[in-house]
N, C-alpha and C. Protein backbone atom coordinates (compact mmCIF):
# COMPACT_ATOMS: atom_id res chain seq x y z
N MET A 1 81.95 63.53 149.68
CA MET A 1 83.13 63.40 151.06
C MET A 1 83.82 64.84 150.98
N TRP A 2 84.40 64.95 149.92
CA TRP A 2 85.44 65.90 150.49
C TRP A 2 85.39 67.05 150.06
N VAL A 3 84.01 67.69 149.06
CA VAL A 3 83.47 68.49 148.75
C VAL A 3 83.17 69.21 150.41
N ASP A 4 82.58 68.33 151.23
CA ASP A 4 81.81 68.48 152.27
C ASP A 4 83.01 68.94 153.40
N SER A 5 84.46 68.14 153.44
CA SER A 5 85.38 68.27 154.09
C SER A 5 86.50 69.94 153.62
N LEU A 6 85.75 70.32 152.49
CA LEU A 6 86.74 71.44 151.85
C LEU A 6 85.87 72.74 152.51
N LEU A 7 84.26 72.88 152.59
CA LEU A 7 83.32 73.70 153.49
C LEU A 7 83.58 73.90 154.68
N ARG A 8 84.05 72.63 155.19
CA ARG A 8 84.09 72.96 156.73
C ARG A 8 85.42 73.36 157.31
N ALA A 9 86.83 72.76 156.49
CA ALA A 9 88.16 73.95 156.57
C ALA A 9 87.90 74.99 156.45
N THR A 10 87.00 75.46 155.18
CA THR A 10 87.21 77.03 154.65
C THR A 10 86.17 77.88 155.88
N GLY A 11 85.36 76.99 156.45
CA GLY A 11 84.40 77.71 157.08
C GLY A 11 83.09 78.17 156.66
N ARG A 12 83.01 77.80 154.94
CA ARG A 12 82.26 78.37 153.94
C ARG A 12 80.91 77.45 154.24
N GLY A 13 79.64 78.15 153.68
CA GLY A 13 78.63 77.57 153.34
C GLY A 13 77.72 76.87 151.87
N ALA A 14 77.70 76.40 151.94
CA ALA A 14 77.41 75.92 150.19
C ALA A 14 76.63 76.79 149.31
N ARG A 15 77.02 77.77 147.86
CA ARG A 15 76.36 78.07 147.89
C ARG A 15 75.58 77.44 146.27
N ASP A 16 74.80 78.30 145.48
CA ASP A 16 74.49 77.39 144.48
C ASP A 16 75.04 78.25 143.14
N ALA A 17 75.84 77.64 142.72
CA ALA A 17 76.63 78.39 141.87
C ALA A 17 76.24 77.53 140.66
N ALA A 18 75.26 77.72 139.81
CA ALA A 18 74.70 77.01 138.85
C ALA A 18 75.52 76.82 137.56
N GLN A 19 75.69 75.98 137.11
CA GLN A 19 76.59 75.28 135.93
C GLN A 19 75.97 74.48 134.93
N PRO A 20 76.35 74.87 133.53
CA PRO A 20 75.71 74.59 132.42
C PRO A 20 76.62 72.82 132.03
N TRP A 21 76.15 72.28 133.06
CA TRP A 21 76.85 70.90 132.88
C TRP A 21 76.92 70.58 131.16
N ALA A 22 75.25 70.42 131.08
CA ALA A 22 75.13 69.69 129.71
C ALA A 22 76.28 70.13 128.32
N GLU A 23 76.25 71.65 128.33
CA GLU A 23 76.61 72.33 127.21
C GLU A 23 78.33 72.27 127.70
N ILE A 24 78.78 72.14 128.86
CA ILE A 24 80.46 71.66 128.64
C ILE A 24 80.62 70.30 128.62
N GLU A 25 79.95 69.31 129.12
CA GLU A 25 80.23 68.08 128.93
C GLU A 25 79.47 67.62 127.33
N ALA A 26 79.17 68.56 126.25
CA ALA A 26 78.33 68.30 124.92
C ALA A 26 79.90 69.00 124.14
N GLU A 27 80.38 70.17 124.59
CA GLU A 27 81.62 70.33 123.75
C GLU A 27 82.62 69.69 124.18
N LEU A 28 83.16 69.15 125.42
CA LEU A 28 84.14 68.69 125.62
C LEU A 28 83.92 66.99 125.05
N GLY A 29 83.10 66.57 125.19
CA GLY A 29 82.48 65.02 124.30
C GLY A 29 82.78 64.21 125.61
N THR A 30 82.84 64.41 126.73
CA THR A 30 82.88 63.13 127.53
C THR A 30 82.47 63.92 128.95
N GLU A 31 81.87 63.16 129.92
CA GLU A 31 81.60 63.79 131.13
C GLU A 31 82.32 64.21 132.02
N LEU A 32 82.22 64.83 132.71
CA LEU A 32 83.11 65.08 134.30
C LEU A 32 82.99 64.42 135.13
N PRO A 33 84.17 64.74 136.23
CA PRO A 33 83.84 63.67 137.76
C PRO A 33 82.79 64.43 138.76
N GLY A 34 82.13 64.13 138.99
CA GLY A 34 80.90 64.10 140.13
C GLY A 34 81.61 64.87 141.02
N ASP A 35 82.70 64.78 141.81
CA ASP A 35 83.01 65.41 142.86
C ASP A 35 83.21 67.07 142.59
N TYR A 36 83.86 67.20 141.35
CA TYR A 36 84.69 68.57 140.76
C TYR A 36 82.95 69.55 140.52
N LYS A 37 82.33 68.39 139.75
CA LYS A 37 80.48 69.17 139.47
C LYS A 37 79.85 69.76 140.61
N GLN A 38 80.17 68.85 141.64
CA GLN A 38 79.78 69.40 143.01
C GLN A 38 80.36 70.31 143.95
N LEU A 39 81.66 70.55 143.59
CA LEU A 39 82.59 71.37 143.99
C LEU A 39 82.32 72.84 143.24
N CYS A 40 81.95 72.74 141.80
CA CYS A 40 82.04 73.89 141.58
C CYS A 40 80.77 74.89 141.98
N GLN A 41 79.54 73.44 142.06
CA GLN A 41 78.05 73.98 142.56
C GLN A 41 78.22 74.82 144.11
N VAL A 42 79.22 74.07 144.57
CA VAL A 42 78.98 75.09 145.79
C VAL A 42 79.80 75.75 146.13
N PHE A 43 81.22 75.54 145.73
CA PHE A 43 81.97 77.44 145.61
C PHE A 43 81.85 77.90 144.22
N GLY A 44 81.29 77.74 143.76
CA GLY A 44 81.27 78.46 142.50
C GLY A 44 83.17 78.96 142.27
N VAL A 45 83.29 79.60 140.94
CA VAL A 45 84.64 80.44 140.56
C VAL A 45 85.10 80.89 141.79
N GLY A 46 86.75 80.80 142.16
CA GLY A 46 87.04 81.46 143.02
C GLY A 46 88.69 80.90 143.25
N GLU A 47 88.95 81.73 144.34
CA GLU A 47 90.30 81.37 144.78
C GLU A 47 90.29 80.59 146.09
N PHE A 48 91.72 79.05 146.22
CA PHE A 48 91.44 79.31 147.66
C PHE A 48 92.74 79.52 148.01
N SER A 49 92.42 80.07 149.42
CA SER A 49 93.86 80.47 150.29
C SER A 49 94.56 81.41 149.36
N GLN A 50 94.31 82.19 148.58
CA GLN A 50 95.01 82.87 147.43
C GLN A 50 96.07 82.46 146.82
N GLU A 51 95.76 80.84 146.54
CA GLU A 51 96.91 80.09 146.01
C GLU A 51 96.30 79.48 144.97
N VAL A 52 94.87 78.82 144.90
CA VAL A 52 94.51 78.03 143.54
C VAL A 52 93.25 78.61 143.20
N MET A 53 93.18 78.79 141.89
CA MET A 53 91.64 78.91 140.91
C MET A 53 91.08 77.34 140.62
N VAL A 54 90.26 77.55 141.20
CA VAL A 54 89.66 76.13 140.17
C VAL A 54 88.41 76.37 139.17
N LEU A 55 88.72 76.26 138.21
CA LEU A 55 88.00 76.41 136.83
C LEU A 55 86.94 75.70 136.77
N CYS A 56 85.66 76.24 136.63
CA CYS A 56 84.21 76.33 136.70
C CYS A 56 83.72 77.22 135.28
N ALA A 57 82.23 76.89 135.02
CA ALA A 57 81.60 78.13 134.37
C ALA A 57 81.97 79.56 134.41
N ASP A 58 82.87 80.76 133.94
CA ASP A 58 82.61 81.75 134.83
C ASP A 58 82.11 82.91 133.98
N ALA A 59 81.38 83.63 134.65
CA ALA A 59 80.52 84.66 133.30
C ALA A 59 81.76 85.90 133.31
N THR A 60 82.95 85.85 134.09
CA THR A 60 84.05 86.73 134.00
C THR A 60 84.85 86.35 133.55
N ARG A 61 85.23 85.05 133.10
CA ARG A 61 86.08 84.60 131.68
C ARG A 61 87.10 84.22 132.16
N VAL A 62 87.83 85.33 133.38
CA VAL A 62 88.85 84.30 134.11
C VAL A 62 89.27 82.75 134.70
N GLY A 63 88.10 82.43 135.11
CA GLY A 63 88.28 81.03 135.37
C GLY A 63 87.57 79.85 134.81
N ASP A 64 87.16 80.44 133.63
CA ASP A 64 86.07 79.28 132.96
C ASP A 64 87.11 78.30 132.40
N LEU A 65 86.26 77.13 132.64
CA LEU A 65 86.64 75.81 132.34
C LEU A 65 86.94 76.01 130.74
N MET A 66 85.94 76.47 129.92
CA MET A 66 85.62 75.98 128.57
C MET A 66 86.97 77.13 127.83
N ILE A 67 86.82 78.46 128.38
CA ILE A 67 88.02 78.78 127.40
C ILE A 67 89.32 78.72 127.88
N TRP A 68 90.00 78.03 128.99
CA TRP A 68 91.35 77.43 129.70
C TRP A 68 91.26 76.58 128.59
N TRP A 69 90.42 75.38 128.25
CA TRP A 69 90.67 73.94 127.58
C TRP A 69 90.79 74.31 126.54
N ARG A 70 89.92 75.53 125.73
CA ARG A 70 90.12 75.45 124.23
C ARG A 70 91.14 76.31 123.95
N ARG A 71 92.16 77.30 124.79
CA ARG A 71 93.23 78.31 124.63
C ARG A 71 94.47 76.98 124.63
N LEU A 72 94.08 75.93 125.23
CA LEU A 72 95.21 75.27 126.00
C LEU A 72 94.99 74.03 124.46
N LEU A 73 93.85 73.66 123.97
CA LEU A 73 94.07 72.69 122.81
C LEU A 73 94.74 73.53 122.19
N GLU A 74 94.13 75.07 121.60
CA GLU A 74 95.07 75.40 120.39
C GLU A 74 96.46 75.96 120.71
N SER A 75 97.02 75.74 121.43
CA SER A 75 98.30 75.89 121.90
C SER A 75 99.20 74.61 121.67
N ASP A 76 98.41 73.41 121.92
CA ASP A 76 98.81 71.82 121.79
C ASP A 76 99.58 72.01 120.44
N ASP A 77 100.52 70.83 120.47
CA ASP A 77 100.78 70.22 118.73
C ASP A 77 101.37 69.15 118.99
N ASP A 78 101.70 68.09 117.78
CA ASP A 78 101.83 67.21 117.70
C ASP A 78 103.54 66.69 117.97
N SER A 79 104.02 67.67 118.05
CA SER A 79 105.70 67.64 118.24
C SER A 79 106.00 67.63 119.76
N ASP A 80 106.75 68.44 120.32
CA ASP A 80 107.43 67.73 121.69
C ASP A 80 106.59 69.62 122.51
N GLY A 81 105.21 69.51 122.76
CA GLY A 81 104.57 70.87 122.79
C GLY A 81 104.34 71.02 124.06
N PRO A 82 104.34 71.97 124.77
CA PRO A 82 104.01 72.75 125.80
C PRO A 82 103.90 71.67 127.06
N TRP A 83 102.81 70.33 126.79
CA TRP A 83 102.01 69.55 127.60
C TRP A 83 102.77 68.44 127.38
N ALA A 84 103.94 68.12 126.74
CA ALA A 84 104.77 66.96 126.37
C ALA A 84 104.87 66.09 127.62
N PRO A 85 104.75 65.03 128.08
CA PRO A 85 104.58 63.80 126.78
C PRO A 85 102.87 63.75 126.97
N TYR A 86 101.82 64.90 127.47
CA TYR A 86 100.53 64.63 127.38
C TYR A 86 99.96 65.42 126.02
N ARG A 87 99.05 65.22 125.89
CA ARG A 87 98.38 66.40 124.98
C ARG A 87 96.82 66.72 125.69
N ILE A 88 96.56 67.92 125.02
CA ILE A 88 95.44 68.60 125.69
C ILE A 88 94.31 67.48 125.27
N HIS A 89 93.56 67.11 125.98
CA HIS A 89 91.98 66.21 125.33
C HIS A 89 91.41 66.94 124.23
N GLU A 90 91.04 65.84 123.22
CA GLU A 90 90.23 66.29 121.86
C GLU A 90 88.89 65.29 122.21
N PRO A 91 88.21 66.15 121.76
CA PRO A 91 86.58 65.10 122.10
C PRO A 91 87.09 64.11 121.08
N GLY A 92 86.35 62.53 122.00
CA GLY A 92 86.44 61.30 121.24
C GLY A 92 87.49 60.56 121.25
N THR A 93 88.64 61.48 122.11
CA THR A 93 89.84 60.35 122.54
C THR A 93 90.03 60.07 124.10
N THR A 94 91.12 59.23 124.34
CA THR A 94 91.26 58.91 125.63
C THR A 94 92.89 59.77 125.95
N GLY A 95 93.23 59.95 126.93
CA GLY A 95 94.43 60.04 127.28
C GLY A 95 94.91 61.22 127.53
N GLY A 96 94.19 62.16 126.68
CA GLY A 96 94.43 63.93 126.86
C GLY A 96 94.00 64.30 128.23
N LEU A 97 94.32 65.51 128.64
CA LEU A 97 94.38 66.11 129.56
C LEU A 97 93.16 67.36 129.68
N ILE A 98 92.49 67.31 130.66
CA ILE A 98 91.73 68.52 130.76
C ILE A 98 91.69 69.22 132.18
N PRO A 99 91.96 70.84 131.57
CA PRO A 99 92.58 71.73 132.54
C PRO A 99 91.13 71.85 134.22
N TRP A 100 91.75 72.01 135.26
CA TRP A 100 90.61 72.19 135.88
C TRP A 100 90.89 72.81 137.17
N GLY A 101 92.35 73.14 137.33
CA GLY A 101 93.01 74.40 138.30
C GLY A 101 94.34 74.98 137.94
N THR A 102 94.70 76.15 138.54
CA THR A 102 95.68 76.45 138.62
C THR A 102 96.09 77.08 139.83
N THR A 103 97.26 77.54 139.68
CA THR A 103 98.20 78.21 141.01
C THR A 103 98.77 79.71 140.71
N ARG A 104 98.32 80.20 141.59
CA ARG A 104 99.33 82.02 141.11
C ARG A 104 100.68 81.66 140.70
N SER A 105 101.54 80.27 140.95
CA SER A 105 102.70 80.12 140.83
C SER A 105 102.80 79.83 139.00
N ALA A 106 101.22 79.74 138.48
CA ALA A 106 101.33 78.95 136.76
C ALA A 106 101.38 77.55 137.28
N ASP A 107 101.48 76.95 138.53
CA ASP A 107 101.16 75.54 137.86
C ASP A 107 99.75 75.28 137.57
N ARG A 108 99.68 74.06 136.88
CA ARG A 108 98.65 73.37 136.66
C ARG A 108 97.96 72.12 136.82
N PHE A 109 96.95 71.95 136.77
CA PHE A 109 96.02 70.89 137.35
C PHE A 109 95.38 70.36 136.67
N PHE A 110 95.30 68.92 136.00
CA PHE A 110 94.45 68.41 134.72
C PHE A 110 93.73 66.79 135.64
N TRP A 111 92.74 67.07 134.62
CA TRP A 111 92.36 65.52 135.05
C TRP A 111 93.04 64.43 133.60
N GLN A 112 93.77 63.23 133.59
CA GLN A 112 94.18 62.53 132.33
C GLN A 112 92.32 61.59 132.06
N VAL A 113 92.36 61.60 130.76
CA VAL A 113 91.03 61.21 130.47
C VAL A 113 91.53 59.66 130.18
N THR A 114 90.79 58.73 131.14
CA THR A 114 90.85 57.13 130.73
C THR A 114 89.72 56.77 130.53
N ASP A 115 90.01 55.42 129.88
CA ASP A 115 88.79 54.44 129.90
C ASP A 115 88.01 54.28 130.65
N GLY A 116 88.64 54.41 132.33
CA GLY A 116 87.63 53.70 132.94
C GLY A 116 86.68 54.91 133.58
N PRO A 117 86.18 54.56 134.84
CA PRO A 117 85.23 55.66 135.09
C PRO A 117 85.43 56.92 135.81
N VAL A 118 84.91 57.81 134.78
CA VAL A 118 85.00 59.32 134.68
C VAL A 118 85.67 59.56 136.40
N ASP A 119 85.08 59.23 137.75
CA ASP A 119 85.14 59.69 138.78
C ASP A 119 86.56 58.97 139.47
N ALA A 120 87.45 58.04 138.47
CA ALA A 120 88.48 57.25 138.74
C ALA A 120 89.83 58.23 138.20
N TRP A 121 89.45 59.53 137.21
CA TRP A 121 90.96 59.95 136.59
C TRP A 121 91.61 60.24 137.46
N PRO A 122 92.60 59.82 137.17
CA PRO A 122 93.77 60.87 138.12
C PRO A 122 93.86 62.18 137.89
N VAL A 123 94.50 62.58 139.06
CA VAL A 123 94.76 64.40 138.93
C VAL A 123 96.53 64.32 137.88
N LEU A 124 96.89 65.01 137.06
CA LEU A 124 98.11 65.45 136.96
C LEU A 124 98.55 66.45 136.87
N ALA A 125 99.51 66.96 137.67
CA ALA A 125 99.90 68.23 137.90
C ALA A 125 101.13 68.80 137.66
N MET A 126 101.37 69.92 136.54
CA MET A 126 102.56 70.00 136.45
C MET A 126 103.10 71.08 137.01
N GLN A 127 104.15 71.04 137.18
CA GLN A 127 104.98 71.99 138.17
C GLN A 127 105.88 72.72 137.30
N VAL A 128 105.19 74.21 137.23
CA VAL A 128 106.14 75.12 135.71
C VAL A 128 107.68 75.46 136.64
N ASP A 129 107.77 75.86 137.71
CA ASP A 129 109.01 76.33 138.20
C ASP A 129 110.46 75.38 138.16
N THR A 130 109.86 74.04 137.90
CA THR A 130 110.86 72.95 138.01
C THR A 130 110.77 72.46 136.72
N GLU A 131 110.75 73.23 135.61
CA GLU A 131 110.70 72.83 133.85
C GLU A 131 109.86 71.65 133.87
N LYS A 132 108.69 71.84 133.88
CA LYS A 132 107.73 71.26 133.86
C LYS A 132 107.72 69.74 134.54
N ALA A 133 107.79 69.71 135.78
CA ALA A 133 107.47 68.34 136.38
C ALA A 133 106.28 67.86 136.61
N TRP A 134 106.32 66.57 135.89
CA TRP A 134 104.56 66.08 136.36
C TRP A 134 104.44 64.96 137.74
N HIS A 135 103.43 65.36 138.29
CA HIS A 135 103.40 64.39 139.08
C HIS A 135 101.66 63.96 139.04
N ARG A 136 101.78 62.41 138.97
CA ARG A 136 100.51 62.00 139.20
C ARG A 136 99.57 61.69 140.49
N TYR A 137 98.80 61.82 140.40
CA TYR A 137 97.74 61.38 141.90
C TYR A 137 96.49 60.51 141.84
N GLU A 138 96.30 59.60 142.28
CA GLU A 138 95.21 58.36 141.76
C GLU A 138 94.28 59.19 143.09
N MET A 139 93.58 60.23 142.71
CA MET A 139 92.63 60.46 143.77
C MET A 139 91.77 61.98 142.87
N THR A 140 90.78 62.28 143.46
CA THR A 140 89.89 63.03 142.82
C THR A 140 90.41 64.50 143.12
N ALA A 141 90.00 65.29 142.27
CA ALA A 141 90.35 66.74 142.47
C ALA A 141 90.25 67.41 143.71
N THR A 142 89.39 67.08 144.66
CA THR A 142 88.54 67.57 145.73
C THR A 142 89.59 67.05 146.81
N GLU A 143 90.04 65.60 146.50
CA GLU A 143 90.65 65.32 148.04
C GLU A 143 91.81 65.82 147.34
N PHE A 144 92.60 66.26 146.25
CA PHE A 144 93.80 66.86 145.95
C PHE A 144 93.77 68.21 146.47
N LEU A 145 92.65 69.18 146.27
CA LEU A 145 92.67 70.34 147.06
C LEU A 145 92.90 70.06 148.69
N TYR A 146 92.07 69.63 149.15
CA TYR A 146 91.81 69.12 150.51
C TYR A 146 93.15 68.87 150.94
N ARG A 147 93.88 68.27 150.74
CA ARG A 147 95.22 67.88 150.65
C ARG A 147 96.41 69.06 150.30
N ILE A 148 96.40 69.54 149.61
CA ILE A 148 96.88 70.94 149.58
C ILE A 148 96.87 71.70 150.54
N PHE A 149 95.40 71.99 150.71
CA PHE A 149 95.57 73.11 152.51
C PHE A 149 95.14 72.66 153.65
N THR A 150 95.90 71.36 153.70
CA THR A 150 95.16 70.74 155.12
C THR A 150 96.52 69.99 155.40
N ASP A 151 97.38 69.17 154.84
CA ASP A 151 98.50 68.51 154.96
C ASP A 151 99.60 68.79 154.51
N PRO A 152 100.18 69.47 155.68
CA PRO A 152 101.98 70.03 155.48
C PRO A 152 102.80 69.32 154.71
N GLY A 153 102.70 67.85 154.93
CA GLY A 153 103.24 66.97 154.16
C GLY A 153 103.27 66.66 152.83
N PHE A 154 102.06 67.54 152.09
CA PHE A 154 101.76 66.89 150.61
C PHE A 154 102.42 67.84 149.82
N LEU A 155 103.50 67.31 149.82
CA LEU A 155 104.64 67.95 148.90
C LEU A 155 104.43 67.18 147.07
N PRO A 156 104.96 67.97 146.38
CA PRO A 156 105.36 69.59 146.16
C PRO A 156 104.35 70.83 146.55
N TYR A 157 103.33 70.41 146.64
CA TYR A 157 101.78 71.10 146.55
C TYR A 157 101.56 71.89 147.68
N SER A 158 101.91 71.50 149.07
CA SER A 158 101.30 71.56 150.26
C SER A 158 101.13 73.30 150.33
N ALA A 159 100.55 74.01 150.54
CA ALA A 159 99.95 75.37 151.22
C ALA A 159 99.31 75.36 152.41
N ALA A 160 99.40 74.40 153.27
CA ALA A 160 98.67 74.19 154.57
C ALA A 160 99.53 75.43 155.27
N HIS A 161 98.56 75.87 155.98
CA HIS A 161 98.85 77.15 157.11
C HIS A 161 98.32 76.76 158.36
N PRO A 162 98.86 76.18 159.16
CA PRO A 162 98.02 75.69 160.11
C PRO A 162 97.31 76.85 161.48
N ALA A 163 98.36 78.25 161.15
CA ALA A 163 97.69 79.26 161.81
C ALA A 163 96.52 80.02 161.11
N SER A 164 96.40 79.90 160.30
CA SER A 164 95.14 80.45 159.47
C SER A 164 94.19 79.40 158.77
N GLY A 165 94.62 78.85 158.30
CA GLY A 165 93.69 77.65 157.92
C GLY A 165 93.45 78.04 156.29
N PRO A 166 92.82 77.27 155.34
CA PRO A 166 92.39 77.41 154.29
C PRO A 166 91.00 78.14 154.47
N PHE A 167 90.98 79.18 153.00
CA PHE A 167 89.80 80.01 153.18
C PHE A 167 89.69 80.46 151.55
N PHE A 168 88.35 80.64 151.08
CA PHE A 168 88.12 80.59 149.82
C PHE A 168 87.34 82.00 149.69
N GLU A 169 87.89 82.65 148.29
CA GLU A 169 87.25 83.73 148.09
C GLU A 169 86.95 83.74 146.78
N PRO A 170 85.35 84.15 146.50
CA PRO A 170 84.79 84.04 145.32
C PRO A 170 85.10 84.87 144.52
N GLY A 171 85.04 84.51 143.11
CA GLY A 171 85.72 85.12 142.10
C GLY A 171 84.79 86.25 141.59
């Protein structure tokens, strides 16, 4: 539903950006949310409104989900690391974070891997410019994106511009 809403809001038609989900999920050791997989299939890697890049499988490697996850995992540590109080997801565990998006201002968007249904994982957003302020959202990644670009009251992440509306540029 939210993917269709994003397509309508951006005025784009669905693409068929094939994604190697079996390989990605095998390395992560977990399934990924269905709405996100659909988002990557119909949009592919790119930027929404020159603000938010969604991480998917990416041949250019700039917005590649697995490259981002591996780098974040390598930089994570047991102390008060860069993602405190959270940790980056390690296969076979729960509670860790899997990145799925980033902004030009270096904000980061993650899912928190929980024991519950994968499609119910919360979105955790880290606002970098306010000394790592974390925000938790009980919604899907695609609803989160839709709200960023269509809801002026969705603070602190709103990038809604009523005059121009949201758009998408493939990567």
